[in-house]
Amino acid sequence: MSAPARVLVALVTALVTIPLVGSAAGSAAAFDDAGTTVDATAAFGIPRRGVGEVVNKVVVIGIDGLMFDKADAAQAPRLRRLAAQGLLSQGTIAGHITISGPSWASALTGVWDTEHGITDNEFDASPFLAHPSVFTRIERAAPVRHTVSIGTWHQIATIAATGDRRADLALTTAPLPGDPDESATDAATATEVVSAIERSGPDLVFTHLDQVDLAGHRHGGASRAYLTAIRRIDALVGRIVAAVDQRARDRPAEQWTVLVTTDHGHLPTGGHGGQTPAETANFVIARGPDFAPGTTTGAHTLVDITPTVLDLLGAPPGRLDGHSLRARPARTDGR
């Protein structure tokens, strides 16, 4: 699947033409509407251990600009349930640049900004030649693996479609007209992720959802609009996880893990890039058969995503700054 002729390269933007799903409007009234509350127990089941010759599969959900403590404030049942069903680490990336480009590069390479050298949102393919992405590492180890990236931000595709081995599919959802809060565009991204899981069950799916960050910039991390965006994202997370669980039920040999993380936090009045606790707040959720329900720690951050995926899929990690979430190393780098 890794031959260039079979890779859909989307270095800038690949249009995704897919049906849209409805989402709540970004208003205080929508947030306060009791009818929007969803029973988390009905959203998805519990992680299933594979039967027989197990094939590990991983879905990574990247939610831009999300502070996990706000998920409680927003009454986000699916994110909270995911955390309760596995491992939740609420840590800090203090010392790292709290901007999307450096952070998603770290999440998808397993090294800090001091290694890959990305300092802002404008970057090209060159850093990933010296520091290969998780997609490249998996495809090098096992070219038959099927790896997919589907995101709302175009620079995710720059990372996924770079290197001597690339993601088999790297898509960016084109911004949809009449979508001022990115809710419809994120919904389109989630729809394509669900479709990919149902159609082909990739070994790795990475997705990026953006509307929480947009709400943070426009209204601040302490705003009602920020909480409303979290609730909409929570519904999309539920759709993706429900698709994972349905596929696991239909194919008992497939053992699925869901990882969730973010790139940075937000100031109460909006914005990020500094070193305040609100901006450096980071979290990781790991839900799957390898993670005991109710596990909480502060030891892991976004840099541990790539080592965890490589560990689950049996690919050699090389020298990385991060560590697999299945291990419990003592932190020595202060982050």
Protein backbone atom coordinates (compact mmCIF):
# COMPACT_ATOMS: atom_id res chain seq x y z
CA MET A 1 0.00 0.00 0.00
CA SER A 2 3.02 2.33 0.33
CA ALA A 3 4.05 2.55 -3.31
CA PRO A 4 3.77 6.16 -4.48
CA ALA A 5 1.21 5.24 -7.11
CA ARG A 6 -1.06 3.95 -4.38
CA VAL A 7 -0.69 6.87 -2.01
CA LEU A 8 -3.09 9.80 -2.16
CA VAL A 9 -0.82 12.70 -1.35
CA ALA A 10 -2.46 15.79 0.06
CA LEU A 11 0.42 18.12 0.90
CA VAL A 12 -1.84 21.15 1.02
CA THR A 13 -5.53 20.34 0.68
CA ALA A 14 -7.40 17.36 -0.70
CA LEU A 15 -11.11 17.96 -1.11
CA VAL A 16 -13.34 15.57 0.75
CA THR A 17 -16.82 15.31 -0.73
CA ILE A 18 -18.92 13.60 1.88
CA PRO A 19 -22.37 13.96 3.45
CA LEU A 20 -22.71 16.23 6.44
CA VAL A 21 -24.32 15.54 9.78
CA GLY A 22 -26.19 18.08 11.84
CA SER A 23 -24.49 19.79 14.74
CA ALA A 24 -25.68 22.13 17.45
CA ALA A 25 -25.35 25.83 16.80
CA GLY A 26 -22.58 27.61 18.69
CA SER A 27 -24.96 29.55 20.92
CA ALA A 28 -25.53 29.71 24.64
CA ALA A 29 -29.08 28.52 24.10
CA ALA A 30 -27.85 25.33 22.43
CA PHE A 31 -25.49 24.65 25.31
CA ASP A 32 -28.16 25.23 27.93
CA ASP A 33 -30.74 23.06 26.16
CA ALA A 34 -31.31 20.03 28.39
CA GLY A 35 -32.42 18.08 25.35
CA THR A 36 -28.84 18.05 24.05
CA THR A 37 -27.67 15.88 26.95
CA VAL A 38 -26.72 12.40 25.75
CA ASP A 39 -26.63 9.20 27.78
CA ALA A 40 -22.94 8.25 27.62
CA THR A 41 -23.68 4.58 28.30
CA ALA A 42 -25.63 4.43 25.04
CA ALA A 43 -22.94 6.15 22.99
CA PHE A 44 -20.57 3.20 22.79
CA GLY A 45 -19.73 0.04 24.69
CA ILE A 46 -16.49 -1.16 26.24
CA PRO A 47 -13.16 -2.03 24.60
CA ARG A 48 -13.04 -5.58 23.26
CA ARG A 49 -10.08 -7.91 23.44
CA GLY A 50 -9.44 -9.63 20.13
CA VAL A 51 -10.09 -13.33 19.68
CA GLY A 52 -7.68 -15.76 18.05
CA GLU A 53 -4.82 -14.31 16.03
CA VAL A 54 -5.27 -10.71 17.11
CA VAL A 55 -4.67 -7.77 14.76
CA ASN A 56 -4.11 -4.48 16.59
CA LYS A 57 -5.73 -1.34 15.16
CA VAL A 58 -5.41 2.24 16.44
CA VAL A 59 -7.49 5.40 16.08
CA VAL A 60 -5.91 8.66 17.24
CA ILE A 61 -8.25 11.63 17.70
CA GLY A 62 -6.51 14.99 17.89
CA ILE A 63 -8.70 17.79 19.27
CA ASP A 64 -7.07 21.16 18.71
CA GLY A 65 -6.95 23.51 21.69
CA LEU A 66 -8.90 21.35 24.16
CA MET A 67 -8.30 21.59 27.90
CA PHE A 68 -9.60 18.38 29.47
CA ASP A 69 -10.83 20.01 32.65
CA LYS A 70 -13.23 21.96 30.45
CA ALA A 71 -14.73 18.67 29.23
CA ASP A 72 -16.10 18.24 32.75
CA ALA A 73 -17.38 21.81 32.76
CA ALA A 74 -18.98 21.22 29.36
CA GLN A 75 -20.61 17.97 30.49
CA ALA A 76 -18.96 16.04 27.64
CA PRO A 77 -20.15 12.50 28.39
CA ARG A 78 -18.30 10.59 25.69
CA LEU A 79 -14.87 12.04 26.42
CA ARG A 80 -15.41 11.49 30.13
CA ARG A 81 -16.57 7.93 29.51
CA LEU A 82 -13.57 7.19 27.30
CA ALA A 83 -11.27 8.43 30.06
CA ALA A 84 -13.07 6.30 32.67
CA GLN A 85 -12.77 3.22 30.44
CA GLY A 86 -8.99 3.45 30.21
CA LEU A 87 -6.04 5.67 31.04
CA LEU A 88 -6.27 9.43 31.55
CA SER A 89 -3.10 11.47 31.88
CA GLN A 90 -3.41 15.18 32.59
CA GLY A 91 0.09 16.55 32.26
CA THR A 92 1.96 19.60 31.05
CA ILE A 93 4.07 20.43 28.01
CA ALA A 94 5.81 23.33 29.80
CA GLY A 95 9.02 24.16 27.97
CA HIS A 96 7.54 23.16 24.61
CA ILE A 97 6.15 25.72 22.16
CA THR A 98 2.38 25.83 22.71
CA ILE A 99 1.47 26.32 19.04
CA SER A 100 -0.29 23.81 16.80
CA GLY A 101 2.52 23.23 14.30
CA PRO A 102 5.21 22.28 16.83
CA SER A 103 2.75 20.29 18.94
CA TRP A 104 1.14 18.17 16.22
CA ALA A 105 4.61 17.55 14.80
CA SER A 106 5.66 16.26 18.22
CA ALA A 107 2.54 14.12 18.57
CA LEU A 108 3.16 12.55 15.15
CA THR A 109 6.94 12.10 15.43
CA GLY A 110 7.46 11.38 19.13
CA VAL A 111 10.14 14.09 19.55
CA TRP A 112 9.96 17.56 21.08
CA ASP A 113 10.20 20.84 19.19
CA THR A 114 13.87 21.12 20.18
CA GLU A 115 14.49 18.05 18.02
CA HIS A 116 12.26 18.55 14.96
CA GLY A 117 12.85 22.32 14.92
CA ILE A 118 9.33 23.46 13.98
CA THR A 119 8.50 26.72 15.76
CA ASP A 120 5.23 27.88 14.20
CA ASN A 121 2.42 26.85 11.85
CA GLU A 122 4.40 27.46 8.66
CA PHE A 123 6.49 24.38 7.86
CA ASP A 124 7.23 22.07 4.97
CA ALA A 125 8.24 18.44 4.58
CA SER A 126 11.93 18.83 5.45
CA PRO A 127 11.80 18.31 9.26
CA PHE A 128 10.22 14.88 8.75
CA LEU A 129 13.15 13.59 6.74
CA ALA A 130 15.34 13.58 9.84
CA HIS A 131 12.45 12.82 12.20
CA PRO A 132 10.04 10.45 10.42
CA SER A 133 6.38 10.56 11.24
CA VAL A 134 4.52 7.67 12.80
CA PHE A 135 3.09 6.92 9.35
CA THR A 136 6.56 6.58 7.84
CA ARG A 137 7.80 4.38 10.68
CA ILE A 138 4.83 2.03 10.39
CA GLU A 139 5.04 1.79 6.61
CA ARG A 140 8.78 1.11 6.75
CA ALA A 141 8.28 -1.68 9.26
CA ALA A 142 5.32 -3.28 7.44
CA PRO A 143 4.38 -1.86 4.02
CA VAL A 144 1.18 -3.93 4.03
CA ARG A 145 -0.14 -1.83 6.91
CA HIS A 146 -2.93 0.55 5.92
CA THR A 147 -2.45 4.04 7.40
CA VAL A 148 -4.84 6.95 7.05
CA SER A 149 -4.84 10.64 8.01
CA ILE A 150 -8.05 12.70 7.78
CA GLY A 151 -8.02 16.20 9.22
CA THR A 152 -9.58 19.62 9.24
CA TRP A 153 -6.19 21.44 9.29
CA HIS A 154 -4.17 21.13 6.08
CA GLN A 155 -0.78 20.90 7.80
CA ILE A 156 -1.68 17.49 9.21
CA ALA A 157 -1.55 16.21 5.62
CA THR A 158 1.89 17.79 5.20
CA ILE A 159 3.12 15.54 8.01
CA ALA A 160 1.26 12.41 6.92
CA ALA A 161 2.22 12.63 3.22
CA THR A 162 5.95 13.17 3.80
CA GLY A 163 8.91 10.82 3.77
CA ASP A 164 10.19 7.80 1.86
CA ARG A 165 7.14 5.91 3.16
CA ARG A 166 3.91 7.85 3.57
CA ALA A 167 0.38 7.46 4.82
CA ASP A 168 -1.67 5.51 2.30
CA LEU A 169 -4.34 8.19 2.48
CA ALA A 170 -3.85 11.81 3.56
CA LEU A 171 -6.98 13.94 3.32
CA THR A 172 -7.83 17.47 4.36
CA THR A 173 -11.47 18.46 4.58
CA ALA A 174 -12.01 21.60 2.52
CA PRO A 175 -13.60 24.43 4.58
CA LEU A 176 -17.31 24.34 3.98
CA PRO A 177 -19.17 27.52 2.98
CA GLY A 178 -21.45 29.03 5.59
CA ASP A 179 -19.58 27.35 8.45
CA PRO A 180 -18.33 30.19 10.69
CA ASP A 181 -17.51 27.98 13.70
CA GLU A 182 -16.07 24.98 11.78
CA SER A 183 -18.73 22.68 13.24
CA ALA A 184 -19.90 21.47 9.82
CA THR A 185 -16.34 21.05 8.53
CA ASP A 186 -15.35 19.01 11.59
CA ALA A 187 -18.52 16.95 11.19
CA ALA A 188 -17.50 16.23 7.59
CA THR A 189 -14.06 15.13 8.80
CA ALA A 190 -15.65 12.79 11.36
CA THR A 191 -17.99 11.36 8.74
CA GLU A 192 -15.04 10.45 6.53
CA VAL A 193 -13.23 8.88 9.50
CA VAL A 194 -16.26 6.75 10.30
CA SER A 195 -16.52 5.73 6.64
CA ALA A 196 -12.84 4.71 6.56
CA ILE A 197 -13.24 2.59 9.69
CA GLU A 198 -16.35 0.90 8.31
CA ARG A 199 -14.96 0.36 4.79
CA SER A 200 -11.42 -0.82 5.36
CA GLY A 201 -10.56 -0.82 9.06
CA PRO A 202 -7.14 0.85 8.67
CA ASP A 203 -4.34 -0.20 11.00
CA LEU A 204 -3.85 3.46 11.95
CA VAL A 205 -6.31 6.33 11.58
CA PHE A 206 -5.30 9.80 12.72
CA THR A 207 -7.87 12.58 12.68
CA HIS A 208 -7.68 16.25 13.57
CA LEU A 209 -10.71 18.33 14.66
CA ASP A 210 -10.37 22.10 14.90
CA GLN A 211 -13.47 23.93 16.14
CA VAL A 212 -12.57 23.99 19.85
CA ASP A 213 -9.39 25.91 19.05
CA LEU A 214 -11.32 28.38 16.88
CA ALA A 215 -13.79 29.00 19.71
CA GLY A 216 -10.88 29.53 22.10
CA HIS A 217 -9.29 32.12 19.84
CA ARG A 218 -12.52 34.01 19.24
CA HIS A 219 -14.12 33.81 22.66
CA GLY A 220 -11.54 32.52 25.16
CA GLY A 221 -11.06 29.31 27.09
CA ALA A 222 -13.42 30.55 29.82
CA SER A 223 -16.27 31.28 27.43
CA ARG A 224 -19.62 29.60 26.90
CA ALA A 225 -18.80 29.28 23.18
CA TYR A 226 -15.69 27.24 24.05
CA LEU A 227 -17.78 24.83 26.14
CA THR A 228 -20.37 24.59 23.38
CA ALA A 229 -17.66 23.64 20.86
CA ILE A 230 -16.47 20.92 23.24
CA ARG A 231 -19.97 19.46 23.40
CA ARG A 232 -20.15 19.34 19.60
CA ILE A 233 -16.73 17.68 19.42
CA ASP A 234 -17.83 15.22 22.09
CA ALA A 235 -20.66 14.08 19.82
CA LEU A 236 -18.20 13.54 16.95
CA VAL A 237 -15.89 11.53 19.21
CA GLY A 238 -18.90 9.39 20.10
CA ARG A 239 -19.62 8.69 16.42
CA ILE A 240 -16.02 7.65 15.75
CA VAL A 241 -15.79 5.39 18.80
CA ALA A 242 -19.17 3.83 18.03
CA ALA A 243 -17.84 2.92 14.56
CA VAL A 244 -14.74 1.39 16.15
CA ASP A 245 -16.81 -0.67 18.57
CA GLN A 246 -19.19 -1.88 15.87
CA ARG A 247 -16.29 -3.01 13.71
CA ALA A 248 -14.71 -4.80 16.68
CA ARG A 249 -17.98 -6.66 17.26
CA ASP A 250 -18.21 -7.61 13.59
CA ARG A 251 -14.57 -8.73 13.34
CA PRO A 252 -13.54 -10.45 16.58
CA ALA A 253 -9.87 -10.74 15.61
CA GLU A 254 -9.47 -6.96 15.41
CA GLN A 255 -8.37 -5.36 18.67
CA TRP A 256 -8.90 -1.59 18.63
CA THR A 257 -7.32 1.11 20.77
CA VAL A 258 -8.56 4.71 20.83
CA LEU A 259 -6.12 7.48 21.75
CA VAL A 260 -7.16 11.11 22.25
CA THR A 261 -4.91 14.13 22.77
CA THR A 262 -4.56 17.85 22.14
CA ASP A 263 -1.82 20.26 21.08
CA HIS A 264 -2.13 23.07 23.65
CA GLY A 265 -4.58 24.84 25.93
CA HIS A 266 -6.04 28.35 25.85
CA LEU A 267 -5.92 31.49 27.92
CA PRO A 268 -9.23 32.39 29.58
CA THR A 269 -9.48 35.37 27.24
CA GLY A 270 -8.26 33.41 24.24
CA GLY A 271 -4.98 32.59 22.56
CA HIS A 272 -1.95 30.43 23.26
CA GLY A 273 1.77 30.23 22.57
CA GLY A 274 3.01 31.14 26.04
CA GLN A 275 3.97 29.11 29.09
CA THR A 276 1.05 29.70 31.48
CA PRO A 277 -0.57 26.61 33.03
CA ALA A 278 -3.66 27.14 30.87
CA GLU A 279 -1.59 27.14 27.67
CA THR A 280 0.70 24.22 28.60
CA ALA A 281 -2.11 21.98 29.90
CA ASN A 282 -2.12 18.68 28.02
CA PHE A 283 -3.94 15.38 28.24
CA VAL A 284 -3.90 11.90 26.76
CA ILE A 285 -6.68 9.29 26.86
CA ALA A 286 -5.87 5.67 26.02
CA ARG A 287 -8.84 3.32 25.82
CA GLY A 288 -8.35 -0.29 24.78
CA PRO A 289 -7.74 -3.79 26.15
CA ASP A 290 -4.20 -2.88 27.26
CA PHE A 291 -5.32 -0.05 29.54
CA ALA A 292 -6.99 -0.69 32.88
CA PRO A 293 -10.21 1.30 33.41
CA GLY A 294 -9.91 4.23 35.75
CA THR A 295 -6.12 4.62 35.45
CA THR A 296 -5.05 8.22 36.12
CA THR A 297 -1.59 9.76 35.94
CA GLY A 298 0.21 12.94 35.03
CA ALA A 299 3.20 11.22 33.41
CA HIS A 300 2.15 11.25 29.75
CA THR A 301 1.62 13.92 27.10
CA LEU A 302 1.22 14.28 23.35
CA VAL A 303 4.84 13.23 22.69
CA ASP A 304 3.89 9.71 23.86
CA ILE A 305 1.31 9.18 21.10
CA THR A 306 3.75 8.00 18.40
CA PRO A 307 5.65 5.56 20.70
CA THR A 308 2.32 4.09 21.83
CA VAL A 309 1.07 3.57 18.28
CA LEU A 310 4.38 1.95 17.27
CA ASP A 311 4.25 -0.28 20.33
CA LEU A 312 0.69 -1.41 19.61
CA LEU A 313 1.41 -2.07 15.93
CA GLY A 314 4.74 -3.81 16.52
CA ALA A 315 6.96 -1.26 14.74
CA PRO A 316 10.42 -0.35 16.12
CA PRO A 317 10.42 3.09 17.75
CA GLY A 318 14.01 4.15 17.20
CA ARG A 319 15.26 6.97 19.43
CA LEU A 320 12.28 9.04 20.57
CA ASP A 321 11.64 11.50 23.36
CA GLY A 322 8.26 9.96 24.16
CA HIS A 323 7.43 6.60 25.71
CA SER A 324 4.65 4.10 25.13
CA LEU A 325 1.63 4.56 27.33
CA ARG A 326 1.81 0.83 28.01
CA ALA A 327 5.00 1.53 30.02
CA ARG A 328 5.30 3.73 33.07
CA PRO A 329 8.64 5.54 32.87
CA ALA A 330 9.78 8.11 35.39
CA ARG A 331 9.77 11.56 33.81
CA THR A 332 13.20 13.23 33.76
CA ASP A 333 12.67 16.03 31.22
CA GLY A 334 10.33 18.14 33.34
CA ARG A 335 7.48 17.97 30.86
